[in-house]
Amino acid sequence: MNEFLNDLQQRLGNGLAAIDPHHRLHGRPVSYRVIDGKTVEITYRDVAGIAEAEVLGVKRLIGRECFCTVSPQSAERLIVRFVVSVT
């Protein structure tokens, strides 16, 4: 799991600037949480907005089937979560 998580963090860290020209996710607070040893939840906070192209770009960087949810954090900010199955 640690190797997968390190690789995932590196791919997102290196590739996010290229697929996120408006810096909607790049530079935002991000957290990684392992759930039941089989799933990783990636959470971006304080996101001003997100486009479908950016979501698809992150999914390509992740390189596995994953799901994305967007929910309000405040009136002006969003929380963007990606859930990735490790198995």
PDB file of N, CA and C in Angstrom:
ATOM      1  N   MET A   1       0.823  -1.192   0.000  1.00  0.00           N
ATOM      2  CA  MET A   1       0.000   0.000   0.000  1.00  0.00           C
ATOM      3  C   MET A   1       0.869   1.258   0.000  1.00  0.00           C
ATOM      4  N   ASN A   2       1.944   1.270   0.786  1.00  0.00           N
ATOM      5  CA  ASN A   2       2.796   2.454   0.847  1.00  0.00           C
ATOM      6  C   ASN A   2       3.418   2.774  -0.505  1.00  0.00           C
ATOM      7  N   GLU A   3       3.836   1.737  -1.232  1.00  0.00           N
ATOM      8  CA  GLU A   3       4.431   1.947  -2.549  1.00  0.00           C
ATOM      9  C   GLU A   3       3.400   2.541  -3.510  1.00  0.00           C
ATOM     10  N   PHE A   4       2.185   2.007  -3.483  1.00  0.00           N
ATOM     11  CA  PHE A   4       1.114   2.527  -4.335  1.00  0.00           C
ATOM     12  C   PHE A   4       0.826   3.985  -3.984  1.00  0.00           C
ATOM     13  N   LEU A   5       0.727   4.302  -2.717  1.00  0.00           N
ATOM     14  CA  LEU A   5       0.427   5.660  -2.267  1.00  0.00           C
ATOM     15  C   LEU A   5       1.543   6.628  -2.646  1.00  0.00           C
ATOM     16  N   ASN A   6       2.782   6.219  -2.465  1.00  0.00           N
ATOM     17  CA  ASN A   6       3.911   7.075  -2.849  1.00  0.00           C
ATOM     18  C   ASN A   6       3.914   7.343  -4.350  1.00  0.00           C
ATOM     19  N   ASP A   7       3.660   6.304  -5.138  1.00  0.00           N
ATOM     20  CA  ASP A   7       3.617   6.450  -6.593  1.00  0.00           C
ATOM     21  C   ASP A   7       2.473   7.382  -7.001  1.00  0.00           C
ATOM     22  N   LEU A   8       1.328   7.222  -6.380  1.00  0.00           N
ATOM     23  CA  LEU A   8       0.163   8.049  -6.667  1.00  0.00           C
ATOM     24  C   LEU A   8       0.441   9.521  -6.339  1.00  0.00           C
ATOM     25  N   GLN A   9       1.017   9.775  -5.188  1.00  0.00           N
ATOM     26  CA  GLN A   9       1.351  11.144  -4.791  1.00  0.00           C
ATOM     27  C   GLN A   9       2.356  11.766  -5.760  1.00  0.00           C
ATOM     28  N   GLN A  10       3.321  10.984  -6.192  1.00  0.00           N
ATOM     29  CA  GLN A  10       4.324  11.486  -7.124  1.00  0.00           C
ATOM     30  C   GLN A  10       3.703  11.805  -8.491  1.00  0.00           C
ATOM     31  N   ARG A  11       2.853  10.902  -9.003  1.00  0.00           N
ATOM     32  CA  ARG A  11       2.197  11.140 -10.289  1.00  0.00           C
ATOM     33  C   ARG A  11       1.342  12.397 -10.251  1.00  0.00           C
ATOM     34  N   LEU A  12       0.574  12.557  -9.180  1.00  0.00           N
ATOM     35  CA  LEU A  12      -0.267  13.748  -9.062  1.00  0.00           C
ATOM     36  C   LEU A  12       0.575  15.002  -8.866  1.00  0.00           C
ATOM     37  N   GLY A  13       1.605  14.906  -8.064  1.00  0.00           N
ATOM     38  CA  GLY A  13       2.470  16.055  -7.833  1.00  0.00           C
ATOM     39  C   GLY A  13       3.165  16.528  -9.090  1.00  0.00           C
ATOM     40  N   ASN A  14       3.621  15.589  -9.906  1.00  0.00           N
ATOM     41  CA  ASN A  14       4.340  15.927 -11.135  1.00  0.00           C
ATOM     42  C   ASN A  14       3.406  16.324 -12.276  1.00  0.00           C
ATOM     43  N   GLY A  15       2.226  15.729 -12.347  1.00  0.00           N
ATOM     44  CA  GLY A  15       1.363  15.932 -13.506  1.00  0.00           C
ATOM     45  C   GLY A  15       0.249  16.934 -13.344  1.00  0.00           C
ATOM     46  N   LEU A  16      -0.060  17.310 -12.117  1.00  0.00           N
ATOM     47  CA  LEU A  16      -1.227  18.164 -11.892  1.00  0.00           C
ATOM     48  C   LEU A  16      -1.091  19.539 -12.527  1.00  0.00           C
ATOM     49  N   ALA A  17       0.067  20.131 -12.488  1.00  0.00           N
ATOM     50  CA  ALA A  17       0.254  21.469 -13.070  1.00  0.00           C
ATOM     51  C   ALA A  17      -0.046  21.467 -14.566  1.00  0.00           C
ATOM     52  N   ALA A  18       0.276  20.388 -15.253  1.00  0.00           N
ATOM     53  CA  ALA A  18       0.070  20.312 -16.698  1.00  0.00           C
ATOM     54  C   ALA A  18      -1.402  20.176 -17.073  1.00  0.00           C
ATOM     55  N   ILE A  19      -2.187  19.481 -16.268  1.00  0.00           N
ATOM     56  CA  ILE A  19      -3.594  19.252 -16.614  1.00  0.00           C
ATOM     57  C   ILE A  19      -4.529  20.236 -15.917  1.00  0.00           C
ATOM     58  N   ASP A  20      -3.975  21.104 -15.085  1.00  0.00           N
ATOM     59  CA  ASP A  20      -4.773  22.049 -14.296  1.00  0.00           C
ATOM     60  C   ASP A  20      -4.261  23.476 -14.544  1.00  0.00           C
ATOM     61  N   PRO A  21      -4.472  24.013 -15.772  1.00  0.00           N
ATOM     62  CA  PRO A  21      -3.890  25.307 -16.124  1.00  0.00           C
ATOM     63  C   PRO A  21      -4.410  26.475 -15.285  1.00  0.00           C
ATOM     64  N   HIS A  22      -5.583  26.330 -14.704  1.00  0.00           N
ATOM     65  CA  HIS A  22      -6.158  27.407 -13.889  1.00  0.00           C
ATOM     66  C   HIS A  22      -5.846  27.241 -12.404  1.00  0.00           C
ATOM     67  N   HIS A  23      -5.057  26.227 -12.076  1.00  0.00           N
ATOM     68  CA  HIS A  23      -4.636  25.949 -10.697  1.00  0.00           C
ATOM     69  C   HIS A  23      -5.820  25.813  -9.737  1.00  0.00           C
ATOM     70  N   ARG A  24      -6.850  25.139 -10.212  1.00  0.00           N
ATOM     71  CA  ARG A  24      -8.010  24.903  -9.350  1.00  0.00           C
ATOM     72  C   ARG A  24      -7.700  23.850  -8.291  1.00  0.00           C
ATOM     73  N   LEU A  25      -6.887  22.856  -8.655  1.00  0.00           N
ATOM     74  CA  LEU A  25      -6.486  21.822  -7.695  1.00  0.00           C
ATOM     75  C   LEU A  25      -5.023  21.970  -7.292  1.00  0.00           C
ATOM     76  N   HIS A  26      -4.192  22.311  -8.262  1.00  0.00           N
ATOM     77  CA  HIS A  26      -2.757  22.452  -8.014  1.00  0.00           C
ATOM     78  C   HIS A  26      -2.512  23.536  -6.957  1.00  0.00           C
ATOM     79  N   GLY A  27      -1.821  23.170  -5.894  1.00  0.00           N
ATOM     80  CA  GLY A  27      -1.524  24.115  -4.824  1.00  0.00           C
ATOM     81  C   GLY A  27      -2.577  24.179  -3.731  1.00  0.00           C
ATOM     82  N   ARG A  28      -3.665  23.461  -3.884  1.00  0.00           N
ATOM     83  CA  ARG A  28      -4.704  23.416  -2.844  1.00  0.00           C
ATOM     84  C   ARG A  28      -4.325  22.393  -1.783  1.00  0.00           C
ATOM     85  N   PRO A  29      -4.840  22.563  -0.579  1.00  0.00           N
ATOM     86  CA  PRO A  29      -4.586  21.553   0.456  1.00  0.00           C
ATOM     87  C   PRO A  29      -5.134  20.199   0.005  1.00  0.00           C
ATOM     88  N   VAL A  30      -4.307  19.172   0.109  1.00  0.00           N
ATOM     89  CA  VAL A  30      -4.709  17.831  -0.311  1.00  0.00           C
ATOM     90  C   VAL A  30      -4.367  16.847   0.798  1.00  0.00           C
ATOM     91  N   SER A  31      -5.243  15.863   0.969  1.00  0.00           N
ATOM     92  CA  SER A  31      -4.969  14.805   1.946  1.00  0.00           C
ATOM     93  C   SER A  31      -5.244  13.457   1.294  1.00  0.00           C
ATOM     94  N   TYR A  32      -4.526  12.454   1.779  1.00  0.00           N
ATOM     95  CA  TYR A  32      -4.670  11.080   1.303  1.00  0.00           C
ATOM     96  C   TYR A  32      -5.054  10.229   2.499  1.00  0.00           C
ATOM     97  N   ARG A  33      -6.103   9.433   2.350  1.00  0.00           N
ATOM     98  CA  ARG A  33      -6.542   8.578   3.450  1.00  0.00           C
ATOM     99  C   ARG A  33      -6.774   7.174   2.916  1.00  0.00           C
ATOM    100  N   VAL A  34      -6.178   6.210   3.594  1.00  0.00           N
ATOM    101  CA  VAL A  34      -6.360   4.803   3.231  1.00  0.00           C
ATOM    102  C   VAL A  34      -7.571   4.279   3.996  1.00  0.00           C
ATOM    103  N   ILE A  35      -8.487   3.646   3.274  1.00  0.00           N
ATOM    104  CA  ILE A  35      -9.709   3.107   3.870  1.00  0.00           C
ATOM    105  C   ILE A  35      -9.667   1.592   3.736  1.00  0.00           C
ATOM    106  N   ASP A  36      -9.698   0.891   4.856  1.00  0.00           N
ATOM    107  CA  ASP A  36      -9.728  -0.578   4.895  1.00  0.00           C
ATOM    108  C   ASP A  36      -8.583  -1.250   4.151  1.00  0.00           C
ATOM    109  N   GLY A  37      -7.512  -0.533   3.911  1.00  0.00           N
ATOM    110  CA  GLY A  37      -6.362  -1.110   3.228  1.00  0.00           C
ATOM    111  C   GLY A  37      -6.597  -1.431   1.768  1.00  0.00           C
ATOM    112  N   LYS A  38      -7.767  -1.058   1.224  1.00  0.00           N
ATOM    113  CA  LYS A  38      -8.111  -1.407  -0.150  1.00  0.00           C
ATOM    114  C   LYS A  38      -8.479  -0.204  -1.012  1.00  0.00           C
ATOM    115  N   THR A  39      -8.669   0.932  -0.389  1.00  0.00           N
ATOM    116  CA  THR A  39      -9.144   2.114  -1.094  1.00  0.00           C
ATOM    117  C   THR A  39      -8.387   3.336  -0.594  1.00  0.00           C
ATOM    118  N   VAL A  40      -8.110   4.263  -1.506  1.00  0.00           N
ATOM    119  CA  VAL A  40      -7.474   5.530  -1.144  1.00  0.00           C
ATOM    120  C   VAL A  40      -8.435   6.662  -1.486  1.00  0.00           C
ATOM    121  N   GLU A  41      -8.629   7.555  -0.534  1.00  0.00           N
ATOM    122  CA  GLU A  41      -9.440   8.746  -0.748  1.00  0.00           C
ATOM    123  C   GLU A  41      -8.509   9.949  -0.833  1.00  0.00           C
ATOM    124  N   ILE A  42      -8.579  10.673  -1.941  1.00  0.00           N
ATOM    125  CA  ILE A  42      -7.768  11.871  -2.150  1.00  0.00           C
ATOM    126  C   ILE A  42      -8.723  13.052  -2.057  1.00  0.00           C
ATOM    127  N   THR A  43      -8.456  13.970  -1.138  1.00  0.00           N
ATOM    128  CA  THR A  43      -9.367  15.086  -0.904  1.00  0.00           C
ATOM    129  C   THR A  43      -8.645  16.410  -1.114  1.00  0.00           C
ATOM    130  N   TYR A  44      -9.175  17.212  -2.022  1.00  0.00           N
ATOM    131  CA  TYR A  44      -8.692  18.573  -2.243  1.00  0.00           C
ATOM    132  C   TYR A  44      -9.680  19.529  -1.588  1.00  0.00           C
ATOM    133  N   ARG A  45      -9.176  20.449  -0.786  1.00  0.00           N
ATOM    134  CA  ARG A  45     -10.028  21.432  -0.103  1.00  0.00           C
ATOM    135  C   ARG A  45      -9.760  22.828  -0.650  1.00  0.00           C
ATOM    136  N   ASP A  46     -10.682  23.729  -0.360  1.00  0.00           N
ATOM    137  CA  ASP A  46     -10.564  25.139  -0.756  1.00  0.00           C
ATOM    138  C   ASP A  46     -10.479  25.313  -2.263  1.00  0.00           C
ATOM    139  N   VAL A  47     -11.237  24.506  -3.003  1.00  0.00           N
ATOM    140  CA  VAL A  47     -11.245  24.574  -4.460  1.00  0.00           C
ATOM    141  C   VAL A  47     -12.305  25.583  -4.892  1.00  0.00           C
ATOM    142  N   ALA A  48     -11.898  26.558  -5.708  1.00  0.00           N
ATOM    143  CA  ALA A  48     -12.822  27.617  -6.138  1.00  0.00           C
ATOM    144  C   ALA A  48     -13.839  27.115  -7.162  1.00  0.00           C
ATOM    145  N   GLY A  49     -13.445  26.164  -7.987  1.00  0.00           N
ATOM    146  CA  GLY A  49     -14.309  25.602  -9.022  1.00  0.00           C
ATOM    147  C   GLY A  49     -13.574  24.459  -9.687  1.00  0.00           C
ATOM    148  N   ILE A  50     -14.288  23.654 -10.441  1.00  0.00           N
ATOM    149  CA  ILE A  50     -13.664  22.510 -11.102  1.00  0.00           C
ATOM    150  C   ILE A  50     -14.410  22.253 -12.409  1.00  0.00           C
ATOM    151  N   ALA A  51     -13.666  21.951 -13.450  1.00  0.00           N
ATOM    152  CA  ALA A  51     -14.251  21.634 -14.755  1.00  0.00           C
ATOM    153  C   ALA A  51     -14.136  20.139 -15.015  1.00  0.00           C
ATOM    154  N   GLU A  52     -15.007  19.629 -15.851  1.00  0.00           N
ATOM    155  CA  GLU A  52     -14.991  18.203 -16.190  1.00  0.00           C
ATOM    156  C   GLU A  52     -13.650  17.792 -16.790  1.00  0.00           C
ATOM    157  N   ALA A  53     -13.042  18.651 -17.582  1.00  0.00           N
ATOM    158  CA  ALA A  53     -11.745  18.335 -18.187  1.00  0.00           C
ATOM    159  C   ALA A  53     -10.678  18.131 -17.113  1.00  0.00           C
ATOM    160  N   GLU A  54     -10.729  18.903 -16.051  1.00  0.00           N
ATOM    161  CA  GLU A  54      -9.758  18.747 -14.962  1.00  0.00           C
ATOM    162  C   GLU A  54      -9.999  17.448 -14.200  1.00  0.00           C
ATOM    163  N   VAL A  55     -11.247  17.113 -13.972  1.00  0.00           N
ATOM    164  CA  VAL A  55     -11.569  15.847 -13.307  1.00  0.00           C
ATOM    165  C   VAL A  55     -11.061  14.681 -14.152  1.00  0.00           C
ATOM    166  N   LEU A  56     -11.317  14.722 -15.446  1.00  0.00           N
ATOM    167  CA  LEU A  56     -10.850  13.643 -16.330  1.00  0.00           C
ATOM    168  C   LEU A  56      -9.332  13.582 -16.379  1.00  0.00           C
ATOM    169  N   GLY A  57      -8.663  14.734 -16.326  1.00  0.00           N
ATOM    170  CA  GLY A  57      -7.201  14.760 -16.303  1.00  0.00           C
ATOM    171  C   GLY A  57      -6.640  14.114 -15.056  1.00  0.00           C
ATOM    172  N   VAL A  58      -7.254  14.381 -13.908  1.00  0.00           N
ATOM    173  CA  VAL A  58      -6.801  13.755 -12.660  1.00  0.00           C
ATOM    174  C   VAL A  58      -7.028  12.254 -12.729  1.00  0.00           C
ATOM    175  N   LYS A  59      -8.160  11.836 -13.269  1.00  0.00           N
ATOM    176  CA  LYS A  59      -8.429  10.401 -13.402  1.00  0.00           C
ATOM    177  C   LYS A  59      -7.374   9.730 -14.284  1.00  0.00           C
ATOM    178  N   ARG A  60      -6.945  10.406 -15.351  1.00  0.00           N
ATOM    179  CA  ARG A  60      -5.889   9.848 -16.204  1.00  0.00           C
ATOM    180  C   ARG A  60      -4.573   9.736 -15.430  1.00  0.00           C
ATOM    181  N   LEU A  61      -4.264  10.751 -14.624  1.00  0.00           N
ATOM    182  CA  LEU A  61      -3.041  10.701 -13.816  1.00  0.00           C
ATOM    183  C   LEU A  61      -3.091   9.565 -12.802  1.00  0.00           C
ATOM    184  N   ILE A  62      -4.246   9.349 -12.218  1.00  0.00           N
ATOM    185  CA  ILE A  62      -4.401   8.273 -11.237  1.00  0.00           C
ATOM    186  C   ILE A  62      -4.167   6.926 -11.917  1.00  0.00           C
ATOM    187  N   GLY A  63      -4.691   6.763 -13.112  1.00  0.00           N
ATOM    188  CA  GLY A  63      -4.414   5.574 -13.900  1.00  0.00           C
ATOM    189  C   GLY A  63      -5.173   4.332 -13.508  1.00  0.00           C
ATOM    190  N   ARG A  64      -6.165   4.473 -12.682  1.00  0.00           N
ATOM    191  CA  ARG A  64      -7.030   3.349 -12.276  1.00  0.00           C
ATOM    192  C   ARG A  64      -8.466   3.827 -12.261  1.00  0.00           C
ATOM    193  N   GLU A  65      -9.377   2.865 -12.247  1.00  0.00           N
ATOM    194  CA  GLU A  65     -10.773   3.252 -12.121  1.00  0.00           C
ATOM    195  C   GLU A  65     -10.959   3.982 -10.793  1.00  0.00           C
ATOM    196  N   CYS A  66     -11.626   5.116 -10.859  1.00  0.00           N
ATOM    197  CA  CYS A  66     -11.866   5.883  -9.642  1.00  0.00           C
ATOM    198  C   CYS A  66     -13.143   6.685  -9.801  1.00  0.00           C
ATOM    199  N   PHE A  67     -13.598   7.231  -8.700  1.00  0.00           N
ATOM    200  CA  PHE A  67     -14.816   8.017  -8.676  1.00  0.00           C
ATOM    201  C   PHE A  67     -14.497   9.386  -8.103  1.00  0.00           C
ATOM    202  N   CYS A  68     -15.239  10.382  -8.534  1.00  0.00           N
ATOM    203  CA  CYS A  68     -15.019  11.742  -8.062  1.00  0.00           C
ATOM    204  C   CYS A  68     -16.339  12.297  -7.539  1.00  0.00           C
ATOM    205  N   THR A  69     -16.279  12.981  -6.401  1.00  0.00           N
ATOM    206  CA  THR A  69     -17.425  13.707  -5.881  1.00  0.00           C
ATOM    207  C   THR A  69     -16.998  15.138  -5.598  1.00  0.00           C
ATOM    208  N   VAL A  70     -17.930  16.041  -5.781  1.00  0.00           N
ATOM    209  CA  VAL A  70     -17.701  17.449  -5.497  1.00  0.00           C
ATOM    210  C   VAL A  70     -18.804  17.890  -4.556  1.00  0.00           C
ATOM    211  N   SER A  71     -18.413  18.491  -3.438  1.00  0.00           N
ATOM    212  CA  SER A  71     -19.404  18.948  -2.464  1.00  0.00           C
ATOM    213  C   SER A  71     -19.013  20.319  -1.930  1.00  0.00           C
ATOM    214  N   PRO A  72     -19.995  21.075  -1.454  1.00  0.00           N
ATOM    215  CA  PRO A  72     -19.675  22.406  -0.936  1.00  0.00           C
ATOM    216  C   PRO A  72     -18.908  22.331   0.376  1.00  0.00           C
ATOM    217  N   GLN A  73     -17.914  23.188   0.494  1.00  0.00           N
ATOM    218  CA  GLN A  73     -17.189  23.356   1.753  1.00  0.00           C
ATOM    219  C   GLN A  73     -17.698  24.622   2.429  1.00  0.00           C
ATOM    220  N   SER A  74     -17.931  25.645   1.623  1.00  0.00           N
ATOM    221  CA  SER A  74     -18.506  26.912   2.078  1.00  0.00           C
ATOM    222  C   SER A  74     -19.254  27.493   0.883  1.00  0.00           C
ATOM    223  N   ALA A  75     -19.724  28.717   1.011  1.00  0.00           N
ATOM    224  CA  ALA A  75     -20.453  29.335  -0.098  1.00  0.00           C
ATOM    225  C   ALA A  75     -19.564  29.547  -1.322  1.00  0.00           C
ATOM    226  N   GLU A  76     -18.254  29.722  -1.115  1.00  0.00           N
ATOM    227  CA  GLU A  76     -17.341  29.999  -2.223  1.00  0.00           C
ATOM    228  C   GLU A  76     -16.375  28.870  -2.536  1.00  0.00           C
ATOM    229  N   ARG A  77     -16.287  27.862  -1.714  1.00  0.00           N
ATOM    230  CA  ARG A  77     -15.268  26.822  -1.872  1.00  0.00           C
ATOM    231  C   ARG A  77     -15.899  25.435  -1.939  1.00  0.00           C
ATOM    232  N   LEU A  78     -15.184  24.528  -2.630  1.00  0.00           N
ATOM    233  CA  LEU A  78     -15.639  23.149  -2.804  1.00  0.00           C
ATOM    234  C   LEU A  78     -14.635  22.179  -2.206  1.00  0.00           C
ATOM    235  N   ILE A  79     -15.108  20.972  -1.946  1.00  0.00           N
ATOM    236  CA  ILE A  79     -14.263  19.844  -1.617  1.00  0.00           C
ATOM    237  C   ILE A  79     -14.377  18.875  -2.782  1.00  0.00           C
ATOM    238  N   VAL A  80     -13.239  18.474  -3.343  1.00  0.00           N
ATOM    239  CA  VAL A  80     -13.211  17.534  -4.464  1.00  0.00           C
ATOM    240  C   VAL A  80     -12.528  16.262  -3.978  1.00  0.00           C
ATOM    241  N   ARG A  81     -13.261  15.131  -4.049  1.00  0.00           N
ATOM    242  CA  ARG A  81     -12.723  13.854  -3.570  1.00  0.00           C
ATOM    243  C   ARG A  81     -12.644  12.863  -4.718  1.00  0.00           C
ATOM    244  N   PHE A  82     -11.531  12.146  -4.752  1.00  0.00           N
ATOM    245  CA  PHE A  82     -11.340  11.039  -5.670  1.00  0.00           C
ATOM    246  C   PHE A  82     -11.176   9.790  -4.823  1.00  0.00           C
ATOM    247  N   VAL A  83     -11.920   8.738  -5.145  1.00  0.00           N
ATOM    248  CA  VAL A  83     -11.836   7.476  -4.424  1.00  0.00           C
ATOM    249  C   VAL A  83     -11.289   6.432  -5.400  1.00  0.00           C
ATOM    250  N   VAL A  84     -10.156   5.821  -5.006  1.00  0.00           N
ATOM    251  CA  VAL A  84      -9.442   4.909  -5.888  1.00  0.00           C
ATOM    252  C   VAL A  84      -9.337   3.545  -5.237  1.00  0.00           C
ATOM    253  N   SER A  85      -9.723   2.515  -5.962  1.00  0.00           N
ATOM    254  CA  SER A  85      -9.560   1.147  -5.472  1.00  0.00           C
ATOM    255  C   SER A  85      -8.138   0.691  -5.737  1.00  0.00           C
ATOM    256  N   VAL A  86      -7.502   0.149  -4.721  1.00  0.00           N
ATOM    257  CA  VAL A  86      -6.122  -0.312  -4.845  1.00  0.00           C
ATOM    258  C   VAL A  86      -6.070  -1.724  -5.402  1.00  0.00           C
ATOM    259  N   THR A  87      -7.091  -2.507  -5.130  1.00  0.00           N
ATOM    260  CA  THR A  87      -7.089  -3.904  -5.573  1.00  0.00           C
ATOM    261  C   THR A  87      -7.583  -4.063  -6.979  1.00  0.00           C
TER     262      THR A  87
END
